[in-house]
N, C-alpha and C. Protein backbone atom coordinates (compact mmCIF):
# COMPACT_ATOMS: atom_id res chain seq x y z
N UNK A 1 2.71 9.93 -6.01
CA UNK A 1 4.10 9.35 -5.42
C UNK A 1 3.95 8.14 -5.48
N UNK A 2 4.98 8.08 -6.66
CA UNK A 2 5.48 6.09 -6.84
C UNK A 2 6.97 6.12 -7.02
N UNK A 3 7.44 4.85 -6.88
CA UNK A 3 9.09 4.67 -6.55
C UNK A 3 8.95 4.19 -8.03
N UNK A 4 10.47 4.49 -8.48
CA UNK A 4 10.63 4.07 -9.62
C UNK A 4 11.09 2.65 -10.05
N UNK A 5 10.89 2.35 -8.48
CA UNK A 5 11.81 0.53 -8.30
C UNK A 5 10.60 -0.13 -8.52
N UNK A 6 9.99 -0.98 -9.32
CA UNK A 6 9.16 -1.77 -9.45
C UNK A 6 8.55 -2.42 -8.24
N UNK A 7 9.67 -3.05 -7.41
CA UNK A 7 9.70 -4.03 -5.92
C UNK A 7 8.74 -3.10 -4.97
N UNK A 8 9.10 -1.90 -4.92
CA UNK A 8 8.70 -0.85 -4.17
C UNK A 8 7.85 -0.17 -4.06
N UNK A 9 7.23 -0.17 -5.65
CA UNK A 9 6.38 0.74 -6.18
C UNK A 9 5.15 1.18 -5.58
N UNK A 10 5.20 2.11 -4.86
CA UNK A 10 4.01 2.40 -4.12
C UNK A 10 3.23 3.92 -4.70
N UNK A 11 2.00 3.93 -4.10
CA UNK A 11 1.07 5.25 -4.62
C UNK A 11 0.50 5.57 -2.89
N UNK A 12 0.17 6.84 -3.13
CA UNK A 12 -0.69 7.02 -1.82
C UNK A 12 -1.67 7.61 -2.34
N UNK A 13 -2.42 7.78 -1.27
CA UNK A 13 -3.98 8.29 -1.26
C UNK A 13 -4.36 9.00 -0.19
N UNK A 14 -5.10 10.50 0.09
CA UNK A 14 -5.66 11.28 0.80
C UNK A 14 -6.33 10.17 1.42
N UNK A 15 -6.58 10.26 2.95
CA UNK A 15 -7.44 9.36 3.39
C UNK A 15 -8.74 9.60 3.18
N UNK A 16 -9.43 8.77 3.13
CA UNK A 16 -10.89 8.91 2.57
C UNK A 16 -11.81 7.65 2.91
N UNK A 17 -12.84 7.63 2.69
CA UNK A 17 -13.79 6.26 3.24
C UNK A 17 -13.22 4.78 2.91
N UNK A 18 -13.51 3.91 3.32
CA UNK A 18 -13.00 2.75 3.08
C UNK A 18 -13.66 1.94 2.19
N UNK A 19 -12.72 1.79 0.90
CA UNK A 19 -13.64 1.13 -0.56
C UNK A 19 -14.10 -0.18 -0.23
N UNK A 20 -15.04 -0.48 -0.24
CA UNK A 20 -15.35 -2.18 0.35
C UNK A 20 -15.34 -2.89 -0.82
N UNK A 21 -14.74 -3.90 -0.81
CA UNK A 21 -14.21 -4.76 -2.16
C UNK A 21 -15.73 -5.81 -2.28
N UNK A 22 -16.81 -5.96 -2.81
CA UNK A 22 -17.46 -7.12 -2.81
C UNK A 22 -16.86 -8.47 -3.15
N UNK A 23 -17.16 -9.44 -2.31
CA UNK A 23 -16.75 -10.80 -2.78
C UNK A 23 -16.96 -10.92 -3.95
N UNK A 24 -16.06 -12.21 -4.49
CA UNK A 24 -15.84 -12.73 -5.88
C UNK A 24 -16.74 -13.58 -6.15
N UNK A 25 -17.50 -13.64 -7.02
CA UNK A 25 -18.14 -14.73 -7.44
C UNK A 25 -17.99 -15.93 -8.23
N UNK A 26 -18.17 -16.90 -8.73
CA UNK A 26 -17.56 -18.22 -8.95
C UNK A 26 -17.28 -17.80 -10.73
N UNK A 27 -17.68 -16.86 -11.39
CA UNK A 27 -17.26 -16.41 -12.75
C UNK A 27 -15.91 -15.59 -11.98
N UNK A 28 -16.11 -14.79 -11.29
CA UNK A 28 -15.00 -13.54 -11.08
C UNK A 28 -13.64 -14.45 -10.20
N UNK A 29 -14.07 -15.18 -9.51
CA UNK A 29 -12.85 -16.31 -9.14
C UNK A 29 -12.40 -16.86 -10.44
N UNK A 30 -12.94 -17.16 -11.08
CA UNK A 30 -11.97 -17.82 -12.11
C UNK A 30 -10.98 -16.88 -13.10
N UNK A 31 -12.03 -15.99 -13.27
CA UNK A 31 -11.06 -14.87 -13.83
C UNK A 31 -9.66 -14.21 -13.49
N UNK A 32 -9.92 -13.94 -12.14
CA UNK A 32 -8.95 -13.67 -10.98
C UNK A 32 -8.06 -15.02 -10.96
N UNK A 33 -8.29 -16.17 -11.00
CA UNK A 33 -7.13 -17.25 -10.92
C UNK A 33 -6.56 -16.94 -12.54
N UNK A 34 -7.14 -16.99 -13.55
CA UNK A 34 -6.62 -16.92 -14.81
C UNK A 34 -5.66 -15.81 -14.59
N UNK A 35 -5.63 -15.14 -13.98
CA UNK A 35 -4.29 -13.91 -14.00
C UNK A 35 -3.23 -13.96 -12.99
N UNK A 36 -3.12 -14.84 -12.44
CA UNK A 36 -2.40 -15.21 -11.52
C UNK A 36 -1.06 -15.14 -11.74
N UNK A 37 0.11 -15.19 -10.80
CA UNK A 37 1.36 -15.15 -11.73
C UNK A 37 2.09 -16.85 -11.25
N UNK A 38 2.48 -16.87 -13.18
CA UNK A 38 2.84 -18.16 -13.13
C UNK A 38 3.66 -18.95 -12.66
N UNK A 39 4.39 -18.10 -11.45
CA UNK A 39 5.05 -19.44 -10.88
C UNK A 39 4.83 -19.17 -9.34
N UNK A 40 3.09 -18.88 -9.07
CA UNK A 40 2.57 -18.81 -7.69
C UNK A 40 2.63 -20.12 -7.12
N UNK A 41 2.45 -21.10 -8.02
CA UNK A 41 2.54 -22.81 -7.37
C UNK A 41 3.86 -22.90 -6.56
N UNK A 42 5.09 -22.46 -6.87
CA UNK A 42 6.16 -22.36 -6.11
C UNK A 42 6.90 -21.56 -5.05
N UNK A 43 5.28 -20.60 -4.54
CA UNK A 43 5.61 -19.68 -3.68
C UNK A 43 4.82 -19.76 -2.82
N UNK A 44 5.22 -19.51 -1.24
CA UNK A 44 4.01 -19.23 -0.47
C UNK A 44 3.55 -18.02 -0.15
N UNK A 45 2.33 -17.88 0.60
CA UNK A 45 1.23 -16.90 -0.08
C UNK A 45 1.96 -15.65 1.29
N UNK A 46 3.00 -14.68 1.09
CA UNK A 46 3.46 -13.86 2.50
C UNK A 46 3.81 -12.52 1.36
N UNK A 47 3.55 -11.47 2.02
CA UNK A 47 3.63 -9.93 1.59
C UNK A 47 4.90 -10.03 1.29
N UNK A 48 5.69 -8.73 0.60
CA UNK A 48 6.63 -8.57 0.83
C UNK A 48 6.82 -7.68 1.94
N UNK A 49 8.23 -7.71 2.40
CA UNK A 49 8.31 -7.04 3.99
C UNK A 49 8.68 -5.81 3.57
N UNK A 50 8.69 -5.09 2.47
CA UNK A 50 9.50 -3.87 2.38
C UNK A 50 8.56 -3.13 2.14
N UNK A 51 7.59 -2.74 2.92
CA UNK A 51 6.68 -1.98 3.67
C UNK A 51 7.21 -0.21 3.90
N UNK A 52 6.58 0.57 3.24
CA UNK A 52 6.99 2.13 4.07
C UNK A 52 6.04 2.35 5.76
N UNK A 53 6.75 3.07 6.72
CA UNK A 53 6.11 3.15 7.72
C UNK A 53 5.12 4.37 7.17
N UNK A 54 3.64 3.52 8.21
CA UNK A 54 2.79 4.42 7.57
C UNK A 54 3.10 5.88 8.24
N UNK A 55 2.14 6.91 7.27
CA UNK A 55 1.90 7.90 7.26
C UNK A 55 0.51 8.32 8.36
N UNK A 56 0.72 9.58 8.31
CA UNK A 56 -0.28 10.47 9.33
C UNK A 56 -1.19 10.94 8.45
N UNK A 57 -0.89 11.46 7.27
CA UNK A 57 -2.03 12.03 6.21
C UNK A 57 -2.28 11.06 5.08
N UNK A 58 -1.85 10.10 4.56
CA UNK A 58 -2.42 8.99 3.73
C UNK A 58 -2.06 7.82 3.69
N UNK A 59 -2.92 7.16 3.14
CA UNK A 59 -2.46 5.50 2.90
C UNK A 59 -1.35 5.13 1.71
N UNK A 60 -0.90 4.08 2.21
CA UNK A 60 -0.10 3.92 0.95
C UNK A 60 -0.58 2.39 0.52
N UNK A 61 -0.65 2.67 -1.14
CA UNK A 61 -0.81 1.66 -1.83
C UNK A 61 0.03 0.77 -2.81
N UNK A 62 0.53 -0.26 -2.48
CA UNK A 62 1.42 -1.22 -3.55
C UNK A 62 0.85 -1.30 -4.84
N UNK A 63 2.02 -2.42 -5.75
CA UNK A 63 1.34 -3.19 -6.80
C UNK A 63 0.48 -4.00 -6.23
N UNK A 64 -0.20 -4.64 -7.41
CA UNK A 64 -1.01 -5.93 -6.98
C UNK A 64 -0.14 -7.09 -6.75
N UNK A 65 -0.26 -7.69 -5.72
CA UNK A 65 0.53 -8.79 -5.30
C UNK A 65 0.48 -10.05 -6.37
N UNK A 66 1.62 -10.45 -6.77
CA UNK A 66 1.57 -11.24 -7.98
C UNK A 66 0.79 -12.98 -7.17
N UNK A 67 0.76 -13.16 -6.03
CA UNK A 67 -0.04 -14.38 -5.76
C UNK A 67 -1.55 -14.38 -5.61
N UNK A 68 -2.19 -13.09 -4.70
CA UNK A 68 -3.16 -12.69 -4.64
C UNK A 68 -3.92 -11.86 -5.61
N UNK A 69 -3.25 -11.03 -6.50
CA UNK A 69 -3.69 -10.12 -7.09
C UNK A 69 -4.53 -8.91 -6.26
N UNK A 70 -4.03 -8.78 -5.10
CA UNK A 70 -4.60 -7.69 -4.80
C UNK A 70 -3.10 -6.63 -4.25
N UNK A 71 -4.22 -5.57 -4.19
CA UNK A 71 -3.02 -4.38 -3.55
C UNK A 71 -2.64 -4.29 -2.31
N UNK A 72 -1.53 -4.23 -1.86
CA UNK A 72 -1.34 -4.28 -0.52
C UNK A 72 -1.52 -2.66 -0.04
N UNK A 73 -1.86 -2.59 1.33
CA UNK A 73 -2.56 -1.06 2.09
C UNK A 73 -1.94 -1.01 3.21
N UNK A 74 -1.30 -0.05 3.08
CA UNK A 74 -0.60 0.19 4.43
C UNK A 74 -1.65 1.77 5.18
N UNK A 75 -2.19 1.05 5.87
CA UNK A 75 -3.70 2.59 6.25
C UNK A 75 -2.44 3.62 7.26
N UNK A 76 -3.27 4.65 7.08
CA UNK A 76 -2.66 6.04 8.19
C UNK A 76 -2.87 5.91 9.38
N UNK A 77 -1.97 6.48 9.91
CA UNK A 77 -1.86 6.69 11.48
C UNK A 77 -2.30 8.38 11.58
N UNK A 78 -3.43 8.78 12.12
CA UNK A 78 -3.76 10.04 12.47
C UNK A 78 -2.73 10.31 13.74
N UNK A 79 -2.65 11.55 13.70
CA UNK A 79 -2.06 12.29 15.06
C UNK A 79 -3.07 12.19 16.16
N UNK A 80 -2.77 11.56 17.24
CA UNK A 80 -3.24 11.93 18.43
C UNK A 80 -5.19 10.91 18.03
N UNK A 81 -4.32 9.90 17.51
CA UNK A 81 -5.39 8.64 17.11
C UNK A 81 -6.07 7.83 18.48
N UNK A 82 -7.27 8.07 18.23
CA UNK A 82 -8.22 7.62 19.64
C UNK A 82 -7.97 6.18 19.51
N UNK A 83 -8.51 5.43 20.26
CA UNK A 83 -8.80 3.83 20.85
C UNK A 83 -10.12 3.51 19.79
N UNK A 84 -10.81 4.51 19.64
CA UNK A 84 -11.57 4.13 18.29
C UNK A 84 -11.30 3.93 16.88
N UNK A 85 -10.20 4.97 16.57
CA UNK A 85 -9.52 5.09 15.45
C UNK A 85 -8.85 4.12 15.36
N UNK A 86 -8.05 3.54 16.51
CA UNK A 86 -6.80 2.32 16.20
C UNK A 86 -7.61 1.31 16.24
N UNK A 87 -8.94 1.23 16.58
CA UNK A 87 -9.48 -0.26 16.47
C UNK A 87 -9.82 -0.74 15.15
N UNK A 88 -10.56 0.74 14.69
CA UNK A 88 -10.62 0.52 12.77
C UNK A 88 -9.69 0.49 12.33
N UNK A 89 -8.52 0.99 12.20
CA UNK A 89 -7.31 0.65 11.47
C UNK A 89 -6.77 -0.33 11.70
N UNK A 90 -6.57 -1.48 12.95
CA UNK A 90 -6.45 -2.49 13.16
C UNK A 90 -7.19 -3.26 12.41
N UNK A 91 -8.20 -3.46 12.31
CA UNK A 91 -9.45 -4.17 12.01
C UNK A 91 -9.06 -3.96 10.42
N UNK A 92 -9.27 -2.93 9.48
CA UNK A 92 -8.85 -2.68 8.39
C UNK A 92 -7.61 -3.68 7.87
N UNK A 93 -6.41 -3.18 8.39
CA UNK A 93 -5.26 -3.71 7.90
C UNK A 93 -5.30 -5.47 8.28
N UNK A 94 -6.11 -5.96 9.25
CA UNK A 94 -6.53 -7.46 9.26
C UNK A 94 -6.87 -7.70 8.09
N UNK A 95 -7.97 -7.24 7.82
CA UNK A 95 -8.67 -7.83 6.77
C UNK A 95 -8.12 -7.79 5.73
N UNK A 96 -7.10 -6.67 5.53
CA UNK A 96 -6.34 -6.57 4.32
C UNK A 96 -5.71 -7.89 4.21
N UNK A 97 -4.81 -8.35 5.57
CA UNK A 97 -4.43 -9.50 5.20
C UNK A 97 -4.85 -10.64 5.10
N UNK A 98 -5.99 -10.69 5.92
CA UNK A 98 -7.01 -12.12 6.04
C UNK A 98 -7.34 -12.17 4.19
N UNK A 99 -7.41 -11.20 3.37
CA UNK A 99 -7.94 -11.30 2.28
C UNK A 99 -6.94 -11.63 1.54
N UNK A 100 -5.94 -10.83 1.52
CA UNK A 100 -4.43 -11.41 0.92
C UNK A 100 -4.41 -12.83 1.08
N UNK A 101 -4.07 -13.27 1.88
CA UNK A 101 -3.98 -14.83 2.64
C UNK A 101 -4.76 -15.81 1.95
N UNK A 102 -6.27 -15.28 2.16
CA UNK A 102 -7.41 -16.30 1.38
C UNK A 102 -7.39 -16.31 -0.17
N UNK A 103 -7.13 -15.22 -0.81
CA UNK A 103 -6.73 -15.27 -2.44
C UNK A 103 -5.13 -16.02 -2.86
N UNK A 104 -4.28 -15.81 -2.10
CA UNK A 104 -2.90 -16.21 -2.47
C UNK A 104 -3.36 -17.47 -2.35
N UNK A 105 -3.72 -18.50 -1.07
CA UNK A 105 -3.17 -19.55 -1.13
C UNK A 105 -4.66 -20.46 -2.26
N UNK A 106 -5.73 -19.25 -2.43
CA UNK A 106 -6.69 -20.19 -3.32
C UNK A 106 -6.18 -20.20 -4.88
N UNK A 107 -5.42 -19.24 -5.33
CA UNK A 107 -4.88 -19.32 -6.46
C UNK A 107 -3.67 -19.99 -6.96
N UNK A 108 -3.02 -20.48 -5.46
CA UNK A 108 -2.03 -21.35 -5.68
C UNK A 108 -2.44 -22.24 -5.91
N UNK A 109 -3.55 -23.01 -4.78
CA UNK A 109 -4.52 -24.43 -5.23
C UNK A 109 -5.01 -24.78 -6.54
N UNK A 110 -5.60 -23.27 -7.27
CA UNK A 110 -6.07 -23.67 -8.77
C UNK A 110 -4.94 -23.76 -10.19
N UNK A 111 -4.08 -23.13 -9.76
CA UNK A 111 -3.13 -23.47 -10.44
C UNK A 111 -2.20 -24.60 -10.46
N UNK A 112 -2.41 -25.03 -9.05
CA UNK A 112 -1.67 -26.63 -9.00
C UNK A 112 -2.60 -27.63 -9.65
N UNK A 113 -3.92 -27.34 -9.29
CA UNK A 113 -4.79 -28.35 -9.84
C UNK A 113 -4.69 -28.48 -11.16
N UNK A 114 -5.00 -27.29 -11.62
CA UNK A 114 -5.08 -27.02 -13.00
C UNK A 114 -4.23 -27.28 -13.89
N UNK A 115 -2.92 -27.32 -13.73
CA UNK A 115 -1.62 -27.92 -14.49
C UNK A 115 -2.20 -29.34 -14.51
N UNK A 116 -2.58 -29.88 -13.06
CA UNK A 116 -2.76 -31.48 -12.77
C UNK A 116 -3.82 -32.05 -14.01
N UNK A 117 -4.47 -31.56 -14.19
CA UNK A 117 -5.83 -32.04 -14.84
C UNK A 117 -5.17 -31.74 -16.08
N UNK A 118 -4.66 -30.66 -16.60
CA UNK A 118 -4.17 -30.64 -18.55
C UNK A 118 -3.24 -31.82 -18.77
N UNK A 119 -2.30 -31.84 -17.65
CA UNK A 119 -1.62 -33.12 -17.62
C UNK A 119 -1.71 -34.39 -17.85
N UNK A 120 -2.80 -35.04 -16.88
CA UNK A 120 -4.24 -35.93 -16.92
C UNK A 120 -4.60 -36.23 -18.14
N UNK A 121 -5.30 -34.97 -18.72
CA UNK A 121 -6.12 -35.37 -20.15
C UNK A 121 -5.02 -35.26 -21.51
N UNK A 122 -4.23 -34.73 -21.43
CA UNK A 122 -2.77 -34.78 -22.34
C UNK A 122 -2.45 -36.40 -22.18
N UNK A 123 -2.10 -36.87 -21.10
CA UNK A 123 -1.59 -38.09 -20.90
C UNK A 123 -2.83 -39.03 -21.37
N UNK A 124 -4.18 -39.02 -20.88
CA UNK A 124 -5.10 -39.84 -21.42
C UNK A 124 -5.06 -39.85 -23.01
N UNK A 125 -4.51 -38.98 -23.87
CA UNK A 125 -4.94 -38.64 -24.99
C UNK A 125 -3.33 -39.63 -25.69
N UNK A 126 -2.92 -39.76 -24.65
CA UNK A 126 -1.54 -40.52 -25.06
C UNK A 126 -0.49 -38.96 -25.77
N UNK A 127 -0.49 -38.02 -25.59
CA UNK A 127 0.25 -36.42 -25.55
C UNK A 127 1.38 -36.27 -24.12
N UNK A 128 2.15 -35.88 -24.74
CA UNK A 128 2.85 -35.20 -23.51
C UNK A 128 2.22 -33.56 -23.39
N UNK A 129 3.04 -32.84 -22.50
CA UNK A 129 2.78 -31.65 -22.39
C UNK A 129 3.12 -30.83 -23.64
N UNK A 130 4.39 -31.07 -24.16
CA UNK A 130 4.67 -30.08 -24.90
C UNK A 130 4.87 -30.92 -26.24
N UNK A 131 4.76 -30.31 -27.54
CA UNK A 131 4.56 -31.20 -28.74
C UNK A 131 6.26 -31.08 -29.12
N UNK A 132 6.63 -31.85 -30.56
CA UNK A 132 7.67 -31.85 -31.13
C UNK A 132 8.50 -30.62 -31.38
N UNK A 133 7.63 -29.58 -31.32
CA UNK A 133 8.57 -28.72 -31.45
C UNK A 133 8.77 -27.40 -29.92
N UNK A 134 8.45 -28.00 -28.87
CA UNK A 134 8.76 -27.75 -27.98
C UNK A 134 7.65 -26.82 -27.28
N UNK A 135 6.39 -26.42 -28.25
CA UNK A 135 5.59 -25.61 -27.76
C UNK A 135 4.28 -26.29 -26.65
N UNK A 136 3.98 -25.72 -26.01
CA UNK A 136 3.09 -26.30 -25.06
C UNK A 136 1.73 -26.75 -25.08
N UNK A 137 1.02 -27.94 -24.92
CA UNK A 137 -0.17 -28.02 -25.87
C UNK A 137 -1.43 -27.66 -24.69
N UNK A 138 -2.20 -27.47 -25.11
CA UNK A 138 -3.42 -27.28 -24.30
C UNK A 138 -4.92 -27.62 -24.37
N UNK A 139 -5.76 -27.37 -23.70
CA UNK A 139 -7.09 -28.23 -24.00
C UNK A 139 -7.99 -26.97 -24.35
N UNK A 140 -8.97 -27.91 -24.74
CA UNK A 140 -9.85 -26.69 -25.56
C UNK A 140 -10.79 -26.12 -24.16
N UNK A 141 -11.97 -25.16 -24.93
CA UNK A 141 -12.46 -24.38 -23.76
C UNK A 141 -13.42 -25.55 -22.82
N UNK A 142 -14.17 -26.53 -24.07
CA UNK A 142 -14.93 -27.33 -23.44
C UNK A 142 -14.10 -28.43 -22.44
N UNK A 143 -12.72 -28.59 -22.49
CA UNK A 143 -12.28 -29.88 -21.75
C UNK A 143 -11.97 -28.80 -20.27
N UNK A 144 -11.66 -27.66 -20.56
CA UNK A 144 -10.97 -26.83 -19.31
C UNK A 144 -12.40 -26.49 -18.75
N UNK A 145 -13.54 -26.66 -19.00
CA UNK A 145 -14.91 -26.28 -18.29
C UNK A 145 -15.27 -27.26 -17.35
N UNK A 146 -14.59 -28.69 -17.88
CA UNK A 146 -15.04 -29.70 -16.65
C UNK A 146 -14.34 -29.75 -15.27
N UNK A 147 -13.12 -28.85 -15.82
CA UNK A 147 -12.39 -28.55 -14.27
C UNK A 147 -12.54 -27.40 -14.06
N UNK A 148 -13.07 -26.72 -14.78
CA UNK A 148 -13.54 -25.23 -13.77
C UNK A 148 -14.79 -25.56 -13.07
N UNK A 149 -15.73 -26.24 -13.66
CA UNK A 149 -17.11 -26.52 -12.76
C UNK A 149 -16.70 -27.65 -11.44
N UNK A 150 -15.39 -28.57 -11.92
CA UNK A 150 -15.49 -29.39 -10.70
C UNK A 150 -14.49 -28.47 -9.81
N UNK A 151 -13.56 -27.93 -9.79
CA UNK A 151 -12.96 -26.77 -8.83
C UNK A 151 -13.82 -25.83 -8.22
N UNK A 152 -14.83 -25.69 -8.63
CA UNK A 152 -15.86 -24.48 -8.19
C UNK A 152 -16.83 -25.39 -7.16
N UNK A 153 -17.34 -26.85 -7.68
CA UNK A 153 -18.11 -27.58 -6.74
C UNK A 153 -17.08 -27.95 -5.57
N UNK A 154 -16.05 -28.19 -5.86
CA UNK A 154 -14.80 -28.79 -4.49
C UNK A 154 -14.99 -27.60 -3.05
N UNK A 155 -14.90 -26.58 -4.18
CA UNK A 155 -14.63 -25.02 -2.86
C UNK A 155 -16.01 -24.37 -2.66
N UNK A 156 -16.87 -24.96 -3.04
CA UNK A 156 -18.00 -24.33 -2.93
C UNK A 156 -18.48 -23.34 -1.01
N UNK A 157 -18.50 -24.96 -0.41
CA UNK A 157 -18.64 -24.22 1.22
C UNK A 157 -17.25 -23.06 1.32
N UNK A 158 -16.07 -23.54 0.69
CA UNK A 158 -14.91 -22.57 1.26
C UNK A 158 -15.46 -20.86 0.91
N UNK A 159 -16.28 -20.89 -0.54
CA UNK A 159 -15.96 -19.35 -1.16
C UNK A 159 -17.56 -19.12 -0.20
N UNK A 160 -18.09 -19.93 0.23
CA UNK A 160 -19.43 -19.28 0.90
C UNK A 160 -18.83 -19.02 2.31
N UNK A 161 -17.99 -19.95 3.16
CA UNK A 161 -17.81 -19.22 4.29
C UNK A 161 -16.97 -17.61 4.40
N UNK A 162 -16.10 -17.84 2.83
CA UNK A 162 -15.45 -16.50 2.89
C UNK A 162 -16.53 -15.21 2.68
N UNK A 163 -17.16 -15.69 1.81
CA UNK A 163 -18.16 -14.43 1.55
C UNK A 163 -18.88 -13.78 2.98
N UNK A 164 -19.16 -15.11 3.85
CA UNK A 164 -19.94 -14.76 5.09
C UNK A 164 -19.32 -13.56 5.71
N UNK A 165 -17.88 -14.26 6.01
CA UNK A 165 -16.89 -13.51 6.84
C UNK A 165 -16.44 -12.55 6.19
N UNK A 166 -16.64 -11.98 5.23
CA UNK A 166 -16.22 -10.76 4.13
C UNK A 166 -17.40 -10.09 4.62
N UNK A 167 -18.73 -10.27 5.02
CA UNK A 167 -19.82 -9.42 4.95
C UNK A 167 -19.62 -8.93 6.14
N UNK A 168 -19.24 -10.07 7.43
CA UNK A 168 -19.43 -9.71 9.01
C UNK A 168 -17.80 -8.50 8.76
N UNK A 169 -16.72 -8.73 8.66
CA UNK A 169 -16.14 -7.78 8.95
C UNK A 169 -16.31 -6.65 8.42
N UNK A 170 -16.79 -6.57 6.98
CA UNK A 170 -16.88 -5.27 6.33
C UNK A 170 -18.32 -4.54 7.09
N UNK A 171 -19.35 -5.44 7.63
CA UNK A 171 -20.20 -4.37 8.34
C UNK A 171 -19.69 -3.91 9.59
N UNK A 172 -18.68 -4.63 10.59
CA UNK A 172 -18.40 -4.30 11.83
C UNK A 172 -17.09 -2.99 10.83
N UNK A 173 -16.67 -3.11 10.16
CA UNK A 173 -15.81 -1.72 9.36
C UNK A 173 -16.71 -0.58 9.34
N UNK A 174 -17.52 -0.73 8.87
CA UNK A 174 -18.66 0.17 8.62
C UNK A 174 -19.20 1.28 9.65
N UNK A 175 -19.42 -0.04 10.58
CA UNK A 175 -20.03 0.57 11.56
C UNK A 175 -19.07 1.12 12.73
N UNK A 176 -18.36 0.89 12.77
CA UNK A 176 -16.78 1.78 13.25
C UNK A 176 -16.36 3.11 12.81
N UNK A 177 -16.38 3.00 11.53
CA UNK A 177 -16.55 4.32 10.59
C UNK A 177 -17.45 4.88 10.75
N UNK A 178 -18.66 4.70 10.94
CA UNK A 178 -19.73 5.31 10.96
C UNK A 178 -19.34 6.21 12.64
N UNK A 179 -19.26 5.52 13.59
CA UNK A 179 -18.80 6.04 15.15
C UNK A 179 -17.29 6.79 14.99
N UNK A 180 -16.66 6.50 14.34
CA UNK A 180 -15.42 7.69 14.29
C UNK A 180 -15.93 8.90 13.84
N UNK A 181 -16.89 8.97 12.48
CA UNK A 181 -17.05 9.97 11.77
C UNK A 181 -18.06 10.84 12.87
N UNK A 182 -18.98 10.46 13.31
CA UNK A 182 -20.38 10.84 14.14
C UNK A 182 -19.24 11.65 15.85
N UNK A 183 -18.40 10.75 15.87
CA UNK A 183 -17.22 11.68 17.20
C UNK A 183 -16.46 12.36 16.65
N UNK A 184 -15.81 12.46 15.36
CA UNK A 184 -15.07 13.84 14.41
C UNK A 184 -16.01 14.86 15.15
N UNK A 185 -17.23 14.53 14.29
CA UNK A 185 -18.30 15.75 13.62
C UNK A 185 -18.56 16.41 15.32
N UNK A 186 -18.55 15.61 16.17
CA UNK A 186 -19.58 16.11 17.27
C UNK A 186 -18.14 17.07 18.08
N UNK A 187 -16.95 16.51 18.08
CA UNK A 187 -15.99 16.82 18.82
C UNK A 187 -15.39 18.47 17.74
N UNK A 188 -15.76 18.29 16.31
CA UNK A 188 -15.68 19.58 15.74
C UNK A 188 -16.35 20.49 16.15
N UNK A 189 -17.88 20.26 16.04
CA UNK A 189 -18.99 20.72 16.94
C UNK A 189 -18.80 21.49 18.28
N UNK A 190 -18.07 20.75 18.91
CA UNK A 190 -17.55 21.16 20.24
C UNK A 190 -16.36 22.20 20.65
N UNK A 191 -15.61 22.24 19.47
CA UNK A 191 -14.58 22.98 19.69
C UNK A 191 -15.03 24.31 19.13
N UNK A 192 -15.86 24.33 18.02
CA UNK A 192 -16.10 25.31 17.21
C UNK A 192 -16.91 26.37 18.47
N UNK A 193 -18.17 25.64 19.29
CA UNK A 193 -18.80 26.02 20.36
C UNK A 193 -17.76 26.89 21.61
N UNK A 194 -16.54 25.90 21.61
CA UNK A 194 -16.01 26.64 22.81
C UNK A 194 -15.27 27.67 22.37
N UNK A 195 -14.83 27.94 21.16
CA UNK A 195 -14.21 29.19 20.34
C UNK A 195 -14.88 30.31 20.57
N UNK A 196 -16.08 30.11 20.06
CA UNK A 196 -17.41 30.92 20.20
C UNK A 196 -17.66 31.49 21.34
N UNK A 197 -17.43 31.18 22.77
CA UNK A 197 -17.65 30.78 24.02
C UNK A 197 -16.40 31.92 24.30
N UNK A 198 -14.96 31.45 24.13
CA UNK A 198 -13.96 32.22 24.49
C UNK A 198 -14.26 33.81 24.02
N UNK A 199 -14.56 33.71 22.54
CA UNK A 199 -14.53 34.76 21.56
C UNK A 199 -15.66 36.01 22.46
N UNK A 200 -16.88 35.33 22.85
CA UNK A 200 -17.77 36.19 23.87
C UNK A 200 -17.62 36.90 25.12
N UNK A 201 -16.74 35.79 25.71
CA UNK A 201 -16.13 36.34 27.01
C UNK A 201 -15.20 36.98 26.79
N UNK A 202 -14.20 37.55 25.86
CA UNK A 202 -13.20 38.07 25.87
C UNK A 202 -13.58 39.38 25.22
N UNK A 203 -14.71 39.41 24.52
CA UNK A 203 -15.55 40.69 24.03
C UNK A 203 -15.97 41.34 24.96
């Protein structure tokens, strides 16, 4: 179920266990930053407000955000949602938003610093950002490797803290999901026993 309009292009998925994302390692982080939106440095890390209302049967999944490269998710609100299910849903949604904000801000910073590094290196060579034909100049892989290593070194503590928080959040989500599943299973067993008891009494 996807809209034909790109700005509100959404798909849906039947409710299933939460797919945990592994935190990005340094090489994965640099790859993710390389695919950011070219205009990311001029934008603030905000999500689109054109979200559909939550469904009672499925999650809504949107296209990758141009700043964070993450797909926004609107989690379903089941009928007769219990307090435990509500806690789980809120934590999952909050974690999605936290993840988006972190990577959007990080990608914007990466984009700005990379651009500044390229300009400074070209300037040191006595070159402008564009050649005589208007084509943009670039640095070779060895020169860019200096920037990549520097960026990772400077942001090492921030990335480490992100990984720790990611594991903490997803451990909490996993435990809540287990509790929800156990309660749901126990309720199903109790309802079955109740129906069987009523049938026995009626006969």
